[in-house]
């Protein structure tokens, strides 16, 4: 499912126009980005948690030259699904 299909599905479920669902989607994405940029964590019960994680400096390999390189430490956004969401989609089943 791509972004356009996702917005259409949300619009259909919420009885919104696709334009309104698109506006809501963009507002949510911007709010998440702004909140993480400020260093805050977002925890949505029953869904999951958005936060920034510090990644340590590490060794890597340049795929073109096969030369070893050092990858600098950086912050990276991460999302972790909550337990109830995992259960809802059957992720805990085998």
Protein backbone atom coordinates (compact mmCIF):
# COMPACT_ATOMS: atom_id res chain seq x y z
CA UNK A 1 0.00 0.00 0.00
CA UNK A 2 1.44 3.39 -0.92
CA UNK A 3 0.69 6.81 0.60
CA UNK A 4 -2.18 7.61 -1.79
CA UNK A 5 -3.84 4.23 -1.19
CA UNK A 6 -3.37 4.63 2.56
CA UNK A 7 -5.02 8.07 2.55
CA UNK A 8 -7.94 6.70 0.49
CA UNK A 9 -8.40 3.79 2.93
CA UNK A 10 -8.38 6.16 5.92
CA UNK A 11 -10.82 8.50 4.16
CA UNK A 12 -13.18 5.58 3.49
CA UNK A 13 -13.02 4.29 7.09
CA UNK A 14 -13.43 7.72 8.69
CA UNK A 15 -16.01 8.96 6.18
CA UNK A 16 -13.71 11.88 5.24
CA UNK A 17 -12.89 13.24 1.84
CA UNK A 18 -9.51 12.13 0.52
CA UNK A 19 -8.40 15.76 0.71
CA UNK A 20 -9.28 15.98 4.42
CA UNK A 21 -7.64 12.62 5.16
CA UNK A 22 -4.52 13.83 3.34
CA UNK A 23 -4.44 17.00 5.44
CA UNK A 24 -4.75 14.93 8.63
CA UNK A 25 -2.01 12.56 7.47
CA UNK A 26 0.39 15.43 6.72
CA UNK A 27 -0.42 17.08 10.07
CA UNK A 28 0.32 13.85 11.94
CA UNK A 29 3.61 13.31 10.06
CA UNK A 30 4.71 16.92 10.69
CA UNK A 31 3.78 16.74 14.37
CA UNK A 32 5.76 13.52 14.84
CA UNK A 33 8.80 15.03 13.07
CA UNK A 34 8.65 18.27 15.05
CA UNK A 35 8.24 16.44 18.37
CA UNK A 36 11.18 14.12 17.70
CA UNK A 37 13.30 17.05 16.56
CA UNK A 38 12.64 18.71 19.93
CA UNK A 39 14.01 15.58 21.63
CA UNK A 40 10.67 14.35 22.93
CA UNK A 41 9.26 10.82 22.70
CA UNK A 42 5.73 10.02 21.49
CA UNK A 43 3.96 7.06 23.07
CA UNK A 44 0.52 6.11 21.71
CA UNK A 45 -1.17 3.45 23.84
CA UNK A 46 -2.28 0.46 21.79
CA UNK A 47 -0.11 1.48 18.82
CA UNK A 48 3.55 2.15 19.60
CA UNK A 49 6.35 4.58 20.41
CA UNK A 50 8.30 7.04 18.28
CA UNK A 51 11.67 8.23 19.59
CA UNK A 52 15.18 9.27 18.60
CA UNK A 53 18.00 6.82 19.31
CA UNK A 54 21.70 7.59 19.41
CA UNK A 55 23.69 5.30 17.12
CA UNK A 56 27.33 4.76 18.05
CA UNK A 57 30.23 5.23 15.66
CA UNK A 58 30.90 1.98 13.83
CA UNK A 59 32.94 0.37 11.09
CA UNK A 60 31.37 -0.20 7.70
CA UNK A 61 32.39 -1.23 4.19
CA UNK A 62 32.05 0.92 1.07
CA UNK A 63 30.08 -1.39 -1.28
CA UNK A 64 31.78 0.04 -4.40
CA UNK A 65 35.41 -0.17 -3.28
CA UNK A 66 35.10 -2.77 -0.48
CA UNK A 67 37.22 -0.36 1.57
CA UNK A 68 36.63 -0.18 5.33
CA UNK A 69 35.15 3.14 6.44
CA UNK A 70 34.12 4.71 9.73
CA UNK A 71 30.46 5.62 10.01
CA UNK A 72 29.96 8.59 12.32
CA UNK A 73 27.73 8.48 15.37
CA UNK A 74 24.29 9.93 14.68
CA UNK A 75 20.73 10.16 15.93
CA UNK A 76 18.08 8.18 14.11
CA UNK A 77 14.27 8.09 14.43
CA UNK A 78 12.86 4.71 15.43
CA UNK A 79 9.37 3.28 15.89
CA UNK A 80 8.50 0.33 18.10
CA UNK A 81 5.06 -1.26 17.83
CA UNK A 82 3.20 -1.84 21.07
CA UNK A 83 2.31 -5.30 22.32
CA UNK A 84 -1.45 -4.91 21.79
CA UNK A 85 -0.90 -3.77 18.18
CA UNK A 86 1.38 -6.75 17.54
CA UNK A 87 -1.32 -9.05 18.89
CA UNK A 88 -3.99 -7.33 16.75
CA UNK A 89 -2.07 -8.09 13.55
CA UNK A 90 -1.12 -11.60 14.67
CA UNK A 91 2.60 -10.90 15.05
CA UNK A 92 2.85 -13.06 18.18
CA UNK A 93 1.32 -16.11 16.50
CA UNK A 94 3.32 -18.83 14.83
